[in-house]
Amino acid sequence: MQVLSNLIENAVNYGRGPKGAYVTVSAELYGESSEAVRFSVADLGAGIASEHVQRVFERFYRVDKFKID
């Protein structure tokens, strides 16, 4: 439940797109006999840069908000 809560909180806080904030949360039954539930959280934000995706579930990992090249 904590993972879902974190995903929703991050989507609300960082998921702003060019037209404002919009967050979609959905759930669906899946599996051979619908014994599991798949949750999805989507937003209009820029997403996670590919170099950070592999660390998304690493405890305490954060991406700098402002990256200077």
PDB file of N, CA and C in Angstrom:
ATOM      1  N   MET A   1       0.823  -1.187   0.000  1.00  0.00           N
ATOM      2  CA  MET A   1       0.000   0.000   0.000  1.00  0.00           C
ATOM      3  C   MET A   1       0.872   1.258   0.000  1.00  0.00           C
ATOM      4  N   GLN A   2       2.023   1.181   0.676  1.00  0.00           N
ATOM      5  CA  GLN A   2       2.928   2.327   0.743  1.00  0.00           C
ATOM      6  C   GLN A   2       3.450   2.696  -0.645  1.00  0.00           C
ATOM      7  N   VAL A   3       3.724   1.700  -1.469  1.00  0.00           N
ATOM      8  CA  VAL A   3       4.223   1.969  -2.824  1.00  0.00           C
ATOM      9  C   VAL A   3       3.176   2.730  -3.632  1.00  0.00           C
ATOM     10  N   LEU A   4       1.929   2.292  -3.559  1.00  0.00           N
ATOM     11  CA  LEU A   4       0.853   2.963  -4.290  1.00  0.00           C
ATOM     12  C   LEU A   4       0.677   4.397  -3.786  1.00  0.00           C
ATOM     13  N   SER A   5       0.731   4.574  -2.483  1.00  0.00           N
ATOM     14  CA  SER A   5       0.623   5.913  -1.897  1.00  0.00           C
ATOM     15  C   SER A   5       1.748   6.823  -2.393  1.00  0.00           C
ATOM     16  N   ASN A   6       2.977   6.303  -2.437  1.00  0.00           N
ATOM     17  CA  ASN A   6       4.121   7.086  -2.918  1.00  0.00           C
ATOM     18  C   ASN A   6       3.963   7.456  -4.390  1.00  0.00           C
ATOM     19  N   LEU A   7       3.492   6.511  -5.216  1.00  0.00           N
ATOM     20  CA  LEU A   7       3.307   6.793  -6.637  1.00  0.00           C
ATOM     21  C   LEU A   7       2.267   7.892  -6.854  1.00  0.00           C
ATOM     22  N   ILE A   8       1.176   7.828  -6.117  1.00  0.00           N
ATOM     23  CA  ILE A   8       0.130   8.848  -6.248  1.00  0.00           C
ATOM     24  C   ILE A   8       0.644  10.200  -5.770  1.00  0.00           C
ATOM     25  N   GLU A   9       1.328  10.217  -4.633  1.00  0.00           N
ATOM     26  CA  GLU A   9       1.872  11.477  -4.113  1.00  0.00           C
ATOM     27  C   GLU A   9       2.863  12.102  -5.090  1.00  0.00           C
ATOM     28  N   ASN A  10       3.738  11.299  -5.659  1.00  0.00           N
ATOM     29  CA  ASN A  10       4.707  11.817  -6.630  1.00  0.00           C
ATOM     30  C   ASN A  10       4.019  12.315  -7.892  1.00  0.00           C
ATOM     31  N   ALA A  11       2.998  11.620  -8.344  1.00  0.00           N
ATOM     32  CA  ALA A  11       2.267  12.052  -9.535  1.00  0.00           C
ATOM     33  C   ALA A  11       1.608  13.406  -9.296  1.00  0.00           C
ATOM     34  N   VAL A  12       1.043  13.591  -8.117  1.00  0.00           N
ATOM     35  CA  VAL A  12       0.394  14.868  -7.788  1.00  0.00           C
ATOM     36  C   VAL A  12       1.432  15.978  -7.665  1.00  0.00           C
ATOM     37  N   ASN A  13       2.548  15.690  -7.013  1.00  0.00           N
ATOM     38  CA  ASN A  13       3.568  16.717  -6.763  1.00  0.00           C
ATOM     39  C   ASN A  13       4.418  17.058  -7.983  1.00  0.00           C
ATOM     40  N   TYR A  14       4.719  16.069  -8.830  1.00  0.00           N
ATOM     41  CA  TYR A  14       5.672  16.279  -9.921  1.00  0.00           C
ATOM     42  C   TYR A  14       5.090  16.011 -11.302  1.00  0.00           C
ATOM     43  N   GLY A  15       3.816  15.706 -11.392  1.00  0.00           N
ATOM     44  CA  GLY A  15       3.227  15.285 -12.648  1.00  0.00           C
ATOM     45  C   GLY A  15       2.574  16.387 -13.458  1.00  0.00           C
ATOM     46  N   ARG A  16       3.049  17.576 -13.335  1.00  0.00           N
ATOM     47  CA  ARG A  16       2.447  18.682 -14.087  1.00  0.00           C
ATOM     48  C   ARG A  16       2.962  18.684 -15.520  1.00  0.00           C
ATOM     49  N   GLY A  17       2.020  18.785 -16.418  1.00  0.00           N
ATOM     50  CA  GLY A  17       2.350  18.878 -17.830  1.00  0.00           C
ATOM     51  C   GLY A  17       2.070  20.282 -18.323  1.00  0.00           C
ATOM     52  N   PRO A  18       2.146  20.500 -19.632  1.00  0.00           N
ATOM     53  CA  PRO A  18       1.927  21.831 -20.188  1.00  0.00           C
ATOM     54  C   PRO A  18       0.516  22.364 -19.952  1.00  0.00           C
ATOM     55  N   LYS A  19      -0.436  21.496 -19.706  1.00  0.00           N
ATOM     56  CA  LYS A  19      -1.817  21.931 -19.493  1.00  0.00           C
ATOM     57  C   LYS A  19      -2.234  21.838 -18.026  1.00  0.00           C
ATOM     58  N   GLY A  20      -1.275  21.701 -17.124  1.00  0.00           N
ATOM     59  CA  GLY A  20      -1.591  21.611 -15.699  1.00  0.00           C
ATOM     60  C   GLY A  20      -1.431  20.195 -15.176  1.00  0.00           C
ATOM     61  N   ALA A  21      -1.990  19.953 -14.002  1.00  0.00           N
ATOM     62  CA  ALA A  21      -1.873  18.647 -13.358  1.00  0.00           C
ATOM     63  C   ALA A  21      -3.087  17.782 -13.673  1.00  0.00           C
ATOM     64  N   TYR A  22      -2.836  16.533 -13.953  1.00  0.00           N
ATOM     65  CA  TYR A  22      -3.894  15.571 -14.190  1.00  0.00           C
ATOM     66  C   TYR A  22      -3.335  14.210 -13.830  1.00  0.00           C
ATOM     67  N   VAL A  23      -3.960  13.513 -12.892  1.00  0.00           N
ATOM     68  CA  VAL A  23      -3.477  12.212 -12.442  1.00  0.00           C
ATOM     69  C   VAL A  23      -4.592  11.189 -12.610  1.00  0.00           C
ATOM     70  N   THR A  24      -4.253  10.032 -13.166  1.00  0.00           N
ATOM     71  CA  THR A  24      -5.198   8.932 -13.326  1.00  0.00           C
ATOM     72  C   THR A  24      -4.708   7.747 -12.516  1.00  0.00           C
ATOM     73  N   VAL A  25      -5.579   7.197 -11.684  1.00  0.00           N
ATOM     74  CA  VAL A  25      -5.277   5.988 -10.922  1.00  0.00           C
ATOM     75  C   VAL A  25      -6.293   4.935 -11.339  1.00  0.00           C
ATOM     76  N   SER A  26      -5.816   3.746 -11.688  1.00  0.00           N
ATOM     77  CA  SER A  26      -6.736   2.687 -12.103  1.00  0.00           C
ATOM     78  C   SER A  26      -6.312   1.357 -11.495  1.00  0.00           C
ATOM     79  N   ALA A  27      -7.256   0.426 -11.464  1.00  0.00           N
ATOM     80  CA  ALA A  27      -6.995  -0.922 -10.954  1.00  0.00           C
ATOM     81  C   ALA A  27      -7.717  -1.918 -11.835  1.00  0.00           C
ATOM     82  N   GLU A  28      -7.094  -3.072 -12.052  1.00  0.00           N
ATOM     83  CA  GLU A  28      -7.737  -4.118 -12.845  1.00  0.00           C
ATOM     84  C   GLU A  28      -7.349  -5.483 -12.299  1.00  0.00           C
ATOM     85  N   LEU A  29      -8.278  -6.407 -12.347  1.00  0.00           N
ATOM     86  CA  LEU A  29      -7.993  -7.781 -11.960  1.00  0.00           C
ATOM     87  C   LEU A  29      -7.192  -8.439 -13.074  1.00  0.00           C
ATOM     88  N   TYR A  30      -6.231  -9.269 -12.705  1.00  0.00           N
ATOM     89  CA  TYR A  30      -5.501  -9.995 -13.743  1.00  0.00           C
ATOM     90  C   TYR A  30      -5.014 -11.318 -13.173  1.00  0.00           C
ATOM     91  N   GLY A  31      -4.458 -12.131 -14.020  1.00  0.00           N
ATOM     92  CA  GLY A  31      -4.020 -13.462 -13.635  1.00  0.00           C
ATOM     93  C   GLY A  31      -4.978 -14.489 -14.207  1.00  0.00           C
ATOM     94  N   GLU A  32      -4.605 -15.744 -14.082  1.00  0.00           N
ATOM     95  CA  GLU A  32      -5.409 -16.824 -14.663  1.00  0.00           C
ATOM     96  C   GLU A  32      -6.835 -16.854 -14.122  1.00  0.00           C
ATOM     97  N   SER A  33      -6.983 -16.602 -12.838  1.00  0.00           N
ATOM     98  CA  SER A  33      -8.340 -16.612 -12.274  1.00  0.00           C
ATOM     99  C   SER A  33      -8.628 -15.287 -11.567  1.00  0.00           C
ATOM    100  N   SER A  34      -8.019 -14.212 -12.076  1.00  0.00           N
ATOM    101  CA  SER A  34      -8.214 -12.873 -11.509  1.00  0.00           C
ATOM    102  C   SER A  34      -7.890 -12.838 -10.017  1.00  0.00           C
ATOM    103  N   GLU A  35      -6.800 -13.512  -9.640  1.00  0.00           N
ATOM    104  CA  GLU A  35      -6.423 -13.573  -8.239  1.00  0.00           C
ATOM    105  C   GLU A  35      -5.513 -12.415  -7.818  1.00  0.00           C
ATOM    106  N   ALA A  36      -5.169 -11.558  -8.736  1.00  0.00           N
ATOM    107  CA  ALA A  36      -4.290 -10.429  -8.428  1.00  0.00           C
ATOM    108  C   ALA A  36      -4.892  -9.139  -8.972  1.00  0.00           C
ATOM    109  N   VAL A  37      -4.376  -8.039  -8.484  1.00  0.00           N
ATOM    110  CA  VAL A  37      -4.829  -6.729  -8.932  1.00  0.00           C
ATOM    111  C   VAL A  37      -3.627  -5.952  -9.439  1.00  0.00           C
ATOM    112  N   ARG A  38      -3.767  -5.312 -10.585  1.00  0.00           N
ATOM    113  CA  ARG A  38      -2.715  -4.462 -11.147  1.00  0.00           C
ATOM    114  C   ARG A  38      -3.171  -3.015 -11.009  1.00  0.00           C
ATOM    115  N   PHE A  39      -2.355  -2.215 -10.329  1.00  0.00           N
ATOM    116  CA  PHE A  39      -2.630  -0.797 -10.161  1.00  0.00           C
ATOM    117  C   PHE A  39      -1.770   0.002 -11.121  1.00  0.00           C
ATOM    118  N   SER A  40      -2.316   1.097 -11.642  1.00  0.00           N
ATOM    119  CA  SER A  40      -1.571   1.993 -12.525  1.00  0.00           C
ATOM    120  C   SER A  40      -1.780   3.427 -12.064  1.00  0.00           C
ATOM    121  N   VAL A  41      -0.704   4.209 -12.144  1.00  0.00           N
ATOM    122  CA  VAL A  41      -0.764   5.636 -11.840  1.00  0.00           C
ATOM    123  C   VAL A  41      -0.128   6.348 -13.023  1.00  0.00           C
ATOM    124  N   ALA A  42      -0.845   7.303 -13.616  1.00  0.00           N
ATOM    125  CA  ALA A  42      -0.334   8.045 -14.766  1.00  0.00           C
ATOM    126  C   ALA A  42      -0.524   9.539 -14.534  1.00  0.00           C
ATOM    127  N   ASP A  43       0.375  10.337 -15.100  1.00  0.00           N
ATOM    128  CA  ASP A  43       0.260  11.788 -14.994  1.00  0.00           C
ATOM    129  C   ASP A  43       0.766  12.427 -16.275  1.00  0.00           C
ATOM    130  N   LEU A  44       0.758  13.751 -16.331  1.00  0.00           N
ATOM    131  CA  LEU A  44       1.190  14.482 -17.524  1.00  0.00           C
ATOM    132  C   LEU A  44       2.637  14.974 -17.437  1.00  0.00           C
ATOM    133  N   GLY A  45       3.355  14.557 -16.418  1.00  0.00           N
ATOM    134  CA  GLY A  45       4.723  15.029 -16.207  1.00  0.00           C
ATOM    135  C   GLY A  45       5.696  14.514 -17.245  1.00  0.00           C
ATOM    136  N   ALA A  46       6.914  14.999 -17.154  1.00  0.00           N
ATOM    137  CA  ALA A  46       7.966  14.656 -18.113  1.00  0.00           C
ATOM    138  C   ALA A  46       8.420  13.212 -17.995  1.00  0.00           C
ATOM    139  N   GLY A  47       8.137  12.563 -16.885  1.00  0.00           N
ATOM    140  CA  GLY A  47       8.561  11.182 -16.697  1.00  0.00           C
ATOM    141  C   GLY A  47       9.924  11.098 -16.047  1.00  0.00           C
ATOM    142  N   ILE A  48      10.470   9.915 -16.020  1.00  0.00           N
ATOM    143  CA  ILE A  48      11.759   9.655 -15.396  1.00  0.00           C
ATOM    144  C   ILE A  48      12.780   9.441 -16.501  1.00  0.00           C
ATOM    145  N   ALA A  49      13.873  10.166 -16.430  1.00  0.00           N
ATOM    146  CA  ALA A  49      14.941  10.007 -17.429  1.00  0.00           C
ATOM    147  C   ALA A  49      15.446   8.566 -17.399  1.00  0.00           C
ATOM    148  N   SER A  50      15.788   8.039 -18.556  1.00  0.00           N
ATOM    149  CA  SER A  50      16.169   6.634 -18.679  1.00  0.00           C
ATOM    150  C   SER A  50      17.311   6.227 -17.753  1.00  0.00           C
ATOM    151  N   GLU A  51      18.231   7.146 -17.468  1.00  0.00           N
ATOM    152  CA  GLU A  51      19.349   6.787 -16.589  1.00  0.00           C
ATOM    153  C   GLU A  51      18.933   6.603 -15.131  1.00  0.00           C
ATOM    154  N   HIS A  52      17.716   7.013 -14.773  1.00  0.00           N
ATOM    155  CA  HIS A  52      17.243   6.883 -13.400  1.00  0.00           C
ATOM    156  C   HIS A  52      16.213   5.770 -13.220  1.00  0.00           C
ATOM    157  N   VAL A  53      15.681   5.232 -14.289  1.00  0.00           N
ATOM    158  CA  VAL A  53      14.604   4.236 -14.202  1.00  0.00           C
ATOM    159  C   VAL A  53      15.030   3.018 -13.393  1.00  0.00           C
ATOM    160  N   GLN A  54      16.234   2.533 -13.581  1.00  0.00           N
ATOM    161  CA  GLN A  54      16.679   1.326 -12.884  1.00  0.00           C
ATOM    162  C   GLN A  54      16.770   1.517 -11.375  1.00  0.00           C
ATOM    163  N   ARG A  55      16.778   2.753 -10.906  1.00  0.00           N
ATOM    164  CA  ARG A  55      16.917   3.026  -9.472  1.00  0.00           C
ATOM    165  C   ARG A  55      15.615   3.507  -8.834  1.00  0.00           C
ATOM    166  N   VAL A  56      14.506   3.436  -9.564  1.00  0.00           N
ATOM    167  CA  VAL A  56      13.243   4.022  -9.109  1.00  0.00           C
ATOM    168  C   VAL A  56      12.758   3.434  -7.775  1.00  0.00           C
ATOM    169  N   PHE A  57      13.040   2.183  -7.479  1.00  0.00           N
ATOM    170  CA  PHE A  57      12.592   1.588  -6.218  1.00  0.00           C
ATOM    171  C   PHE A  57      13.706   1.511  -5.176  1.00  0.00           C
ATOM    172  N   GLU A  58      14.811   2.177  -5.429  1.00  0.00           N
ATOM    173  CA  GLU A  58      15.915   2.204  -4.479  1.00  0.00           C
ATOM    174  C   GLU A  58      15.565   3.151  -3.331  1.00  0.00           C
ATOM    175  N   ARG A  59      15.725   2.679  -2.140  1.00  0.00           N
ATOM    176  CA  ARG A  59      15.353   3.470  -0.964  1.00  0.00           C
ATOM    177  C   ARG A  59      16.163   4.753  -0.896  1.00  0.00           C
ATOM    178  N   PHE A  60      15.496   5.847  -0.677  1.00  0.00           N
ATOM    179  CA  PHE A  60      16.067   7.186  -0.491  1.00  0.00           C
ATOM    180  C   PHE A  60      16.684   7.784  -1.757  1.00  0.00           C
ATOM    181  N   TYR A  61      16.564   7.128  -2.902  1.00  0.00           N
ATOM    182  CA  TYR A  61      17.138   7.688  -4.135  1.00  0.00           C
ATOM    183  C   TYR A  61      16.286   8.847  -4.621  1.00  0.00           C
ATOM    184  N   ARG A  62      16.928   9.959  -4.959  1.00  0.00           N
ATOM    185  CA  ARG A  62      16.225  11.124  -5.493  1.00  0.00           C
ATOM    186  C   ARG A  62      16.995  11.667  -6.680  1.00  0.00           C
ATOM    187  N   VAL A  63      16.264  12.184  -7.622  1.00  0.00           N
ATOM    188  CA  VAL A  63      16.866  12.844  -8.779  1.00  0.00           C
ATOM    189  C   VAL A  63      16.903  14.324  -8.463  1.00  0.00           C
ATOM    190  N   ASP A  64      18.011  14.977  -8.772  1.00  0.00           N
ATOM    191  CA  ASP A  64      18.087  16.433  -8.566  1.00  0.00           C
ATOM    192  C   ASP A  64      17.021  17.109  -9.399  1.00  0.00           C
ATOM    193  N   LYS A  65      16.334  18.088  -8.794  1.00  0.00           N
ATOM    194  CA  LYS A  65      15.276  18.805  -9.518  1.00  0.00           C
ATOM    195  C   LYS A  65      15.836  19.607 -10.679  1.00  0.00           C
ATOM    196  N   PHE A  66      16.967  20.229 -10.465  1.00  0.00           N
ATOM    197  CA  PHE A  66      17.545  21.090 -11.500  1.00  0.00           C
ATOM    198  C   PHE A  66      18.918  20.566 -11.875  1.00  0.00           C
ATOM    199  N   LYS A  67      19.029  20.073 -13.077  1.00  0.00           N
ATOM    200  CA  LYS A  67      20.291  19.533 -13.561  1.00  0.00           C
ATOM    201  C   LYS A  67      20.930  20.576 -14.472  1.00  0.00           C
ATOM    202  N   ILE A  68      22.158  20.946 -14.173  1.00  0.00           N
ATOM    203  CA  ILE A  68      22.877  21.929 -14.984  1.00  0.00           C
ATOM    204  C   ILE A  68      23.876  21.191 -15.852  1.00  0.00           C
ATOM    205  N   ASP A  69      23.741  21.331 -17.150  1.00  0.00           N
ATOM    206  CA  ASP A  69      24.672  20.668 -18.084  1.00  0.00           C
ATOM    207  C   ASP A  69      25.805  21.584 -18.471  1.00  0.00           C
TER     208      ASP A  69
END
